[in-house]
Amino acid sequence: MNVIQRMQAPTPKFFKTLRAIGLALAAASGALLAAPVALPAAVITLAGYLTVAGAVATAVSQTAVANEESEYDDDGP
């Protein structure tokens, strides 16, 4: 299965939820980074880390696919 097929395959419900949480996390932290007011350095640093975490969670959950059939029988390989 190549990357294109993996991205187009159905995603399990848990990973859909995780993807939505990752997108929300990235969006909220992006808003903090783009805020026109001066924020403490700790908040800016935390927002940067949350942006990366949200992007990684979204990308990983997008590539998870539902396993329709196992490659092996119940008896083993």
PDB file of N, CA and C in Angstrom:
ATOM      1  N   MET A   1       0.856  -1.171   0.000  1.00  0.00           N
ATOM      2  CA  MET A   1       0.000   0.000   0.000  1.00  0.00           C
ATOM      3  C   MET A   1       0.903   1.236   0.000  1.00  0.00           C
ATOM      4  N   ASN A   2       0.766   2.063  -1.020  1.00  0.00           N
ATOM      5  CA  ASN A   2       1.589   3.275  -1.062  1.00  0.00           C
ATOM      6  C   ASN A   2       0.905   4.416  -0.300  1.00  0.00           C
ATOM      7  N   VAL A   3       1.551   5.541  -0.230  1.00  0.00           N
ATOM      8  CA  VAL A   3       1.069   6.660   0.579  1.00  0.00           C
ATOM      9  C   VAL A   3      -0.261   7.190   0.052  1.00  0.00           C
ATOM     10  N   ILE A   4      -0.423   7.287  -1.250  1.00  0.00           N
ATOM     11  CA  ILE A   4      -1.668   7.803  -1.831  1.00  0.00           C
ATOM     12  C   ILE A   4      -2.839   6.895  -1.469  1.00  0.00           C
ATOM     13  N   GLN A   5      -2.656   5.597  -1.599  1.00  0.00           N
ATOM     14  CA  GLN A   5      -3.720   4.658  -1.245  1.00  0.00           C
ATOM     15  C   GLN A   5      -4.025   4.710   0.247  1.00  0.00           C
ATOM     16  N   ARG A   6      -2.988   4.857   1.054  1.00  0.00           N
ATOM     17  CA  ARG A   6      -3.181   4.927   2.502  1.00  0.00           C
ATOM     18  C   ARG A   6      -3.973   6.175   2.880  1.00  0.00           C
ATOM     19  N   MET A   7      -3.705   7.295   2.238  1.00  0.00           N
ATOM     20  CA  MET A   7      -4.413   8.535   2.556  1.00  0.00           C
ATOM     21  C   MET A   7      -5.874   8.485   2.118  1.00  0.00           C
ATOM     22  N   GLN A   8      -6.182   7.687   1.100  1.00  0.00           N
ATOM     23  CA  GLN A   8      -7.544   7.599   0.596  1.00  0.00           C
ATOM     24  C   GLN A   8      -8.348   6.483   1.247  1.00  0.00           C
ATOM     25  N   ALA A   9      -7.716   5.614   2.018  1.00  0.00           N
ATOM     26  CA  ALA A   9      -8.402   4.506   2.670  1.00  0.00           C
ATOM     27  C   ALA A   9      -9.237   5.019   3.849  1.00  0.00           C
ATOM     28  N   PRO A  10     -10.253   4.257   4.254  1.00  0.00           N
ATOM     29  CA  PRO A  10     -11.088   4.696   5.386  1.00  0.00           C
ATOM     30  C   PRO A  10     -10.289   4.769   6.684  1.00  0.00           C
ATOM     31  N   THR A  11     -10.622   5.759   7.506  1.00  0.00           N
ATOM     32  CA  THR A  11      -9.944   5.992   8.774  1.00  0.00           C
ATOM     33  C   THR A  11     -10.836   5.529   9.920  1.00  0.00           C
ATOM     34  N   PRO A  12     -10.296   4.809  10.913  1.00  0.00           N
ATOM     35  CA  PRO A  12     -11.098   4.391  12.075  1.00  0.00           C
ATOM     36  C   PRO A  12     -11.613   5.598  12.871  1.00  0.00           C
ATOM     37  N   LYS A  13     -12.705   5.389  13.617  1.00  0.00           N
ATOM     38  CA  LYS A  13     -13.355   6.474  14.338  1.00  0.00           C
ATOM     39  C   LYS A  13     -12.414   7.149  15.346  1.00  0.00           C
ATOM     40  N   PHE A  14     -11.625   6.359  16.070  1.00  0.00           N
ATOM     41  CA  PHE A  14     -10.707   6.931  17.061  1.00  0.00           C
ATOM     42  C   PHE A  14      -9.740   7.912  16.413  1.00  0.00           C
ATOM     43  N   PHE A  15      -9.223   7.557  15.264  1.00  0.00           N
ATOM     44  CA  PHE A  15      -8.249   8.419  14.606  1.00  0.00           C
ATOM     45  C   PHE A  15      -8.916   9.631  13.962  1.00  0.00           C
ATOM     46  N   LYS A  16     -10.186   9.533  13.605  1.00  0.00           N
ATOM     47  CA  LYS A  16     -10.914  10.720  13.134  1.00  0.00           C
ATOM     48  C   LYS A  16     -11.047  11.725  14.269  1.00  0.00           C
ATOM     49  N   THR A  17     -11.354  11.220  15.462  1.00  0.00           N
ATOM     50  CA  THR A  17     -11.457  12.092  16.632  1.00  0.00           C
ATOM     51  C   THR A  17     -10.104  12.705  16.967  1.00  0.00           C
ATOM     52  N   LEU A  18      -9.062  11.896  16.928  1.00  0.00           N
ATOM     53  CA  LEU A  18      -7.712  12.392  17.197  1.00  0.00           C
ATOM     54  C   LEU A  18      -7.293  13.442  16.172  1.00  0.00           C
ATOM     55  N   ARG A  19      -7.675  13.238  14.921  1.00  0.00           N
ATOM     56  CA  ARG A  19      -7.355  14.212  13.866  1.00  0.00           C
ATOM     57  C   ARG A  19      -8.043  15.545  14.137  1.00  0.00           C
ATOM     58  N   ALA A  20      -9.310  15.492  14.569  1.00  0.00           N
ATOM     59  CA  ALA A  20     -10.047  16.723  14.876  1.00  0.00           C
ATOM     60  C   ALA A  20      -9.423  17.456  16.058  1.00  0.00           C
ATOM     61  N   ILE A  21      -8.997  16.707  17.070  1.00  0.00           N
ATOM     62  CA  ILE A  21      -8.343  17.322  18.228  1.00  0.00           C
ATOM     63  C   ILE A  21      -7.015  17.952  17.810  1.00  0.00           C
ATOM     64  N   GLY A  22      -6.260  17.269  16.968  1.00  0.00           N
ATOM     65  CA  GLY A  22      -4.990  17.809  16.494  1.00  0.00           C
ATOM     66  C   GLY A  22      -5.177  19.087  15.692  1.00  0.00           C
ATOM     67  N   LEU A  23      -6.204  19.114  14.846  1.00  0.00           N
ATOM     68  CA  LEU A  23      -6.481  20.330  14.069  1.00  0.00           C
ATOM     69  C   LEU A  23      -6.869  21.489  14.979  1.00  0.00           C
ATOM     70  N   ALA A  24      -7.704  21.217  15.979  1.00  0.00           N
ATOM     71  CA  ALA A  24      -8.119  22.269  16.910  1.00  0.00           C
ATOM     72  C   ALA A  24      -6.937  22.777  17.716  1.00  0.00           C
ATOM     73  N   LEU A  25      -6.075  21.869  18.136  1.00  0.00           N
ATOM     74  CA  LEU A  25      -4.889  22.248  18.905  1.00  0.00           C
ATOM     75  C   LEU A  25      -3.957  23.127  18.074  1.00  0.00           C
ATOM     76  N   ALA A  26      -3.739  22.740  16.836  1.00  0.00           N
ATOM     77  CA  ALA A  26      -2.875  23.523  15.960  1.00  0.00           C
ATOM     78  C   ALA A  26      -3.482  24.902  15.665  1.00  0.00           C
ATOM     79  N   ALA A  27      -4.794  24.943  15.482  1.00  0.00           N
ATOM     80  CA  ALA A  27      -5.446  26.220  15.198  1.00  0.00           C
ATOM     81  C   ALA A  27      -5.401  27.160  16.408  1.00  0.00           C
ATOM     82  N   ALA A  28      -5.652  26.626  17.584  1.00  0.00           N
ATOM     83  CA  ALA A  28      -5.640  27.462  18.792  1.00  0.00           C
ATOM     84  C   ALA A  28      -4.238  27.997  19.071  1.00  0.00           C
ATOM     85  N   SER A  29      -3.248  27.144  18.921  1.00  0.00           N
ATOM     86  CA  SER A  29      -1.885  27.612  19.183  1.00  0.00           C
ATOM     87  C   SER A  29      -1.408  28.571  18.092  1.00  0.00           C
ATOM     88  N   GLY A  30      -1.880  28.370  16.869  1.00  0.00           N
ATOM     89  CA  GLY A  30      -1.560  29.311  15.800  1.00  0.00           C
ATOM     90  C   GLY A  30      -2.154  30.679  16.067  1.00  0.00           C
ATOM     91  N   ALA A  31      -3.344  30.705  16.648  1.00  0.00           N
ATOM     92  CA  ALA A  31      -3.955  31.983  17.016  1.00  0.00           C
ATOM     93  C   ALA A  31      -3.157  32.687  18.109  1.00  0.00           C
ATOM     94  N   LEU A  32      -2.632  31.909  19.039  1.00  0.00           N
ATOM     95  CA  LEU A  32      -1.788  32.516  20.081  1.00  0.00           C
ATOM     96  C   LEU A  32      -0.509  33.099  19.491  1.00  0.00           C
ATOM     97  N   LEU A  33       0.072  32.375  18.547  1.00  0.00           N
ATOM     98  CA  LEU A  33       1.304  32.865  17.929  1.00  0.00           C
ATOM     99  C   LEU A  33       1.068  34.132  17.105  1.00  0.00           C
ATOM    100  N   ALA A  34      -0.121  34.258  16.543  1.00  0.00           N
ATOM    101  CA  ALA A  34      -0.421  35.405  15.693  1.00  0.00           C
ATOM    102  C   ALA A  34      -1.106  36.540  16.451  1.00  0.00           C
ATOM    103  N   ALA A  35      -1.230  36.415  17.756  1.00  0.00           N
ATOM    104  CA  ALA A  35      -1.908  37.438  18.552  1.00  0.00           C
ATOM    105  C   ALA A  35      -1.176  38.778  18.451  1.00  0.00           C
ATOM    106  N   PRO A  36      -1.941  39.861  18.281  1.00  0.00           N
ATOM    107  CA  PRO A  36      -1.312  41.179  18.125  1.00  0.00           C
ATOM    108  C   PRO A  36      -0.833  41.780  19.442  1.00  0.00           C
ATOM    109  N   VAL A  37      -1.105  41.136  20.566  1.00  0.00           N
ATOM    110  CA  VAL A  37      -0.666  41.658  21.859  1.00  0.00           C
ATOM    111  C   VAL A  37       0.606  40.936  22.285  1.00  0.00           C
ATOM    112  N   ALA A  38       1.346  41.565  23.162  1.00  0.00           N
ATOM    113  CA  ALA A  38       2.588  40.966  23.662  1.00  0.00           C
ATOM    114  C   ALA A  38       2.246  39.915  24.711  1.00  0.00           C
ATOM    115  N   LEU A  39       2.694  38.711  24.474  1.00  0.00           N
ATOM    116  CA  LEU A  39       2.464  37.619  25.410  1.00  0.00           C
ATOM    117  C   LEU A  39       3.797  37.205  26.027  1.00  0.00           C
ATOM    118  N   PRO A  40       3.747  36.609  27.212  1.00  0.00           N
ATOM    119  CA  PRO A  40       5.000  36.151  27.828  1.00  0.00           C
ATOM    120  C   PRO A  40       5.705  35.114  26.946  1.00  0.00           C
ATOM    121  N   ALA A  41       7.008  35.053  27.096  1.00  0.00           N
ATOM    122  CA  ALA A  41       7.814  34.142  26.280  1.00  0.00           C
ATOM    123  C   ALA A  41       7.414  32.692  26.508  1.00  0.00           C
ATOM    124  N   ALA A  42       7.019  32.346  27.720  1.00  0.00           N
ATOM    125  CA  ALA A  42       6.615  30.967  28.018  1.00  0.00           C
ATOM    126  C   ALA A  42       5.363  30.583  27.224  1.00  0.00           C
ATOM    127  N   VAL A  43       4.449  31.510  27.066  1.00  0.00           N
ATOM    128  CA  VAL A  43       3.213  31.233  26.312  1.00  0.00           C
ATOM    129  C   VAL A  43       3.544  31.046  24.829  1.00  0.00           C
ATOM    130  N   ILE A  44       4.413  31.859  24.307  1.00  0.00           N
ATOM    131  CA  ILE A  44       4.811  31.752  22.904  1.00  0.00           C
ATOM    132  C   ILE A  44       5.536  30.426  22.653  1.00  0.00           C
ATOM    133  N   THR A  45       6.412  30.052  23.564  1.00  0.00           N
ATOM    134  CA  THR A  45       7.132  28.781  23.431  1.00  0.00           C
ATOM    135  C   THR A  45       6.166  27.606  23.489  1.00  0.00           C
ATOM    136  N   LEU A  46       5.244  27.635  24.445  1.00  0.00           N
ATOM    137  CA  LEU A  46       4.252  26.576  24.573  1.00  0.00           C
ATOM    138  C   LEU A  46       3.372  26.490  23.328  1.00  0.00           C
ATOM    139  N   ALA A  47       2.980  27.638  22.790  1.00  0.00           N
ATOM    140  CA  ALA A  47       2.162  27.641  21.578  1.00  0.00           C
ATOM    141  C   ALA A  47       2.919  27.033  20.400  1.00  0.00           C
ATOM    142  N   GLY A  48       4.189  27.271  20.312  1.00  0.00           N
ATOM    143  CA  GLY A  48       4.996  26.665  19.254  1.00  0.00           C
ATOM    144  C   GLY A  48       5.024  25.151  19.364  1.00  0.00           C
ATOM    145  N   TYR A  49       5.219  24.654  20.580  1.00  0.00           N
ATOM    146  CA  TYR A  49       5.232  23.205  20.800  1.00  0.00           C
ATOM    147  C   TYR A  49       3.857  22.594  20.513  1.00  0.00           C
ATOM    148  N   LEU A  50       2.792  23.277  20.906  1.00  0.00           N
ATOM    149  CA  LEU A  50       1.443  22.769  20.661  1.00  0.00           C
ATOM    150  C   LEU A  50       1.117  22.749  19.165  1.00  0.00           C
ATOM    151  N   THR A  51       1.633  23.694  18.425  1.00  0.00           N
ATOM    152  CA  THR A  51       1.434  23.699  16.973  1.00  0.00           C
ATOM    153  C   THR A  51       2.064  22.460  16.352  1.00  0.00           C
ATOM    154  N   VAL A  52       3.278  22.152  16.758  1.00  0.00           N
ATOM    155  CA  VAL A  52       3.957  20.963  16.233  1.00  0.00           C
ATOM    156  C   VAL A  52       3.228  19.697  16.653  1.00  0.00           C
ATOM    157  N   ALA A  53       2.817  19.615  17.916  1.00  0.00           N
ATOM    158  CA  ALA A  53       2.107  18.433  18.406  1.00  0.00           C
ATOM    159  C   ALA A  53       0.781  18.229  17.669  1.00  0.00           C
ATOM    160  N   GLY A  54       0.061  19.307  17.433  1.00  0.00           N
ATOM    161  CA  GLY A  54      -1.198  19.201  16.702  1.00  0.00           C
ATOM    162  C   GLY A  54      -0.998  18.766  15.266  1.00  0.00           C
ATOM    163  N   ALA A  55       0.037  19.292  14.629  1.00  0.00           N
ATOM    164  CA  ALA A  55       0.322  18.915  13.239  1.00  0.00           C
ATOM    165  C   ALA A  55       0.742  17.454  13.134  1.00  0.00           C
ATOM    166  N   VAL A  56       1.553  16.991  14.067  1.00  0.00           N
ATOM    167  CA  VAL A  56       1.991  15.589  14.056  1.00  0.00           C
ATOM    168  C   VAL A  56       0.814  14.663  14.331  1.00  0.00           C
ATOM    169  N   ALA A  57      -0.010  14.989  15.312  1.00  0.00           N
ATOM    170  CA  ALA A  57      -1.180  14.156  15.624  1.00  0.00           C
ATOM    171  C   ALA A  57      -2.123  14.082  14.424  1.00  0.00           C
ATOM    172  N   THR A  58      -2.305  15.183  13.731  1.00  0.00           N
ATOM    173  CA  THR A  58      -3.168  15.201  12.557  1.00  0.00           C
ATOM    174  C   THR A  58      -2.593  14.345  11.434  1.00  0.00           C
ATOM    175  N   ALA A  59      -1.312  14.480  11.184  1.00  0.00           N
ATOM    176  CA  ALA A  59      -0.691  13.711  10.097  1.00  0.00           C
ATOM    177  C   ALA A  59      -0.683  12.214  10.393  1.00  0.00           C
ATOM    178  N   VAL A  60      -0.372  11.842  11.611  1.00  0.00           N
ATOM    179  CA  VAL A  60      -0.339  10.424  11.970  1.00  0.00           C
ATOM    180  C   VAL A  60      -1.729   9.818  11.916  1.00  0.00           C
ATOM    181  N   SER A  61      -2.721  10.535  12.428  1.00  0.00           N
ATOM    182  CA  SER A  61      -4.073   9.982  12.429  1.00  0.00           C
ATOM    183  C   SER A  61      -4.667   9.924  11.023  1.00  0.00           C
ATOM    184  N   GLN A  62      -4.209  10.761  10.129  1.00  0.00           N
ATOM    185  CA  GLN A  62      -4.701  10.709   8.748  1.00  0.00           C
ATOM    186  C   GLN A  62      -4.185   9.469   8.024  1.00  0.00           C
ATOM    187  N   THR A  63      -3.019   8.993   8.383  1.00  0.00           N
ATOM    188  CA  THR A  63      -2.450   7.837   7.685  1.00  0.00           C
ATOM    189  C   THR A  63      -2.859   6.510   8.299  1.00  0.00           C
ATOM    190  N   ALA A  64      -3.595   6.513   9.411  1.00  0.00           N
ATOM    191  CA  ALA A  64      -4.076   5.267  10.000  1.00  0.00           C
ATOM    192  C   ALA A  64      -5.244   4.751   9.167  1.00  0.00           C
ATOM    193  N   VAL A  65      -5.244   3.458   8.877  1.00  0.00           N
ATOM    194  CA  VAL A  65      -6.299   2.878   8.059  1.00  0.00           C
ATOM    195  C   VAL A  65      -6.984   1.750   8.811  1.00  0.00           C
ATOM    196  N   ALA A  66      -8.233   1.513   8.471  1.00  0.00           N
ATOM    197  CA  ALA A  66      -8.985   0.410   9.047  1.00  0.00           C
ATOM    198  C   ALA A  66      -8.507  -0.889   8.418  1.00  0.00           C
ATOM    199  N   ASN A  67      -8.259  -1.881   9.234  1.00  0.00           N
ATOM    200  CA  ASN A  67      -7.797  -3.175   8.762  1.00  0.00           C
ATOM    201  C   ASN A  67      -9.020  -4.023   8.427  1.00  0.00           C
ATOM    202  N   GLU A  68      -9.340  -4.137   7.137  1.00  0.00           N
ATOM    203  CA  GLU A  68     -10.530  -4.878   6.724  1.00  0.00           C
ATOM    204  C   GLU A  68     -10.315  -6.386   6.797  1.00  0.00           C
ATOM    205  N   GLU A  69      -9.202  -6.856   6.292  1.00  0.00           N
ATOM    206  CA  GLU A  69      -8.898  -8.279   6.307  1.00  0.00           C
ATOM    207  C   GLU A  69      -7.464  -8.477   6.734  1.00  0.00           C
ATOM    208  N   SER A  70      -7.256  -9.534   7.477  1.00  0.00           N
ATOM    209  CA  SER A  70      -5.903  -9.848   7.888  1.00  0.00           C
ATOM    210  C   SER A  70      -5.206 -10.609   6.767  1.00  0.00           C
ATOM    211  N   GLU A  71      -3.932 -10.417   6.692  1.00  0.00           N
ATOM    212  CA  GLU A  71      -3.129 -11.080   5.675  1.00  0.00           C
ATOM    213  C   GLU A  71      -2.936 -12.563   6.014  1.00  0.00           C
ATOM    214  N   TYR A  72      -3.124 -12.898   7.290  1.00  0.00           N
ATOM    215  CA  TYR A  72      -2.909 -14.256   7.759  1.00  0.00           C
ATOM    216  C   TYR A  72      -4.214 -14.896   8.206  1.00  0.00           C
ATOM    217  N   ASP A  73      -4.274 -16.204   8.173  1.00  0.00           N
ATOM    218  CA  ASP A  73      -5.426 -16.936   8.696  1.00  0.00           C
ATOM    219  C   ASP A  73      -5.333 -16.995  10.221  1.00  0.00           C
ATOM    220  N   ASP A  74      -6.370 -17.528  10.854  1.00  0.00           N
ATOM    221  CA  ASP A  74      -6.349 -17.680  12.286  1.00  0.00           C
ATOM    222  C   ASP A  74      -5.341 -18.735  12.751  1.00  0.00           C
ATOM    223  N   ASP A  75      -4.936 -19.624  11.829  1.00  0.00           N
ATOM    224  CA  ASP A  75      -4.014 -20.696  12.174  1.00  0.00           C
ATOM    225  C   ASP A  75      -2.570 -20.234  12.185  1.00  0.00           C
ATOM    226  N   GLY A  76      -2.269 -19.061  11.694  1.00  0.00           N
ATOM    227  CA  GLY A  76      -0.899 -18.567  11.642  1.00  0.00           C
ATOM    228  C   GLY A  76      -0.513 -18.202  10.238  1.00  0.00           C
ATOM    229  N   PRO A  77       0.766 -17.876  10.024  1.00  0.00           N
ATOM    230  CA  PRO A  77       1.203 -17.439   8.685  1.00  0.00           C
ATOM    231  C   PRO A  77       1.199 -18.515   7.652  1.00  0.00           C
TER     232      PRO A  77
END
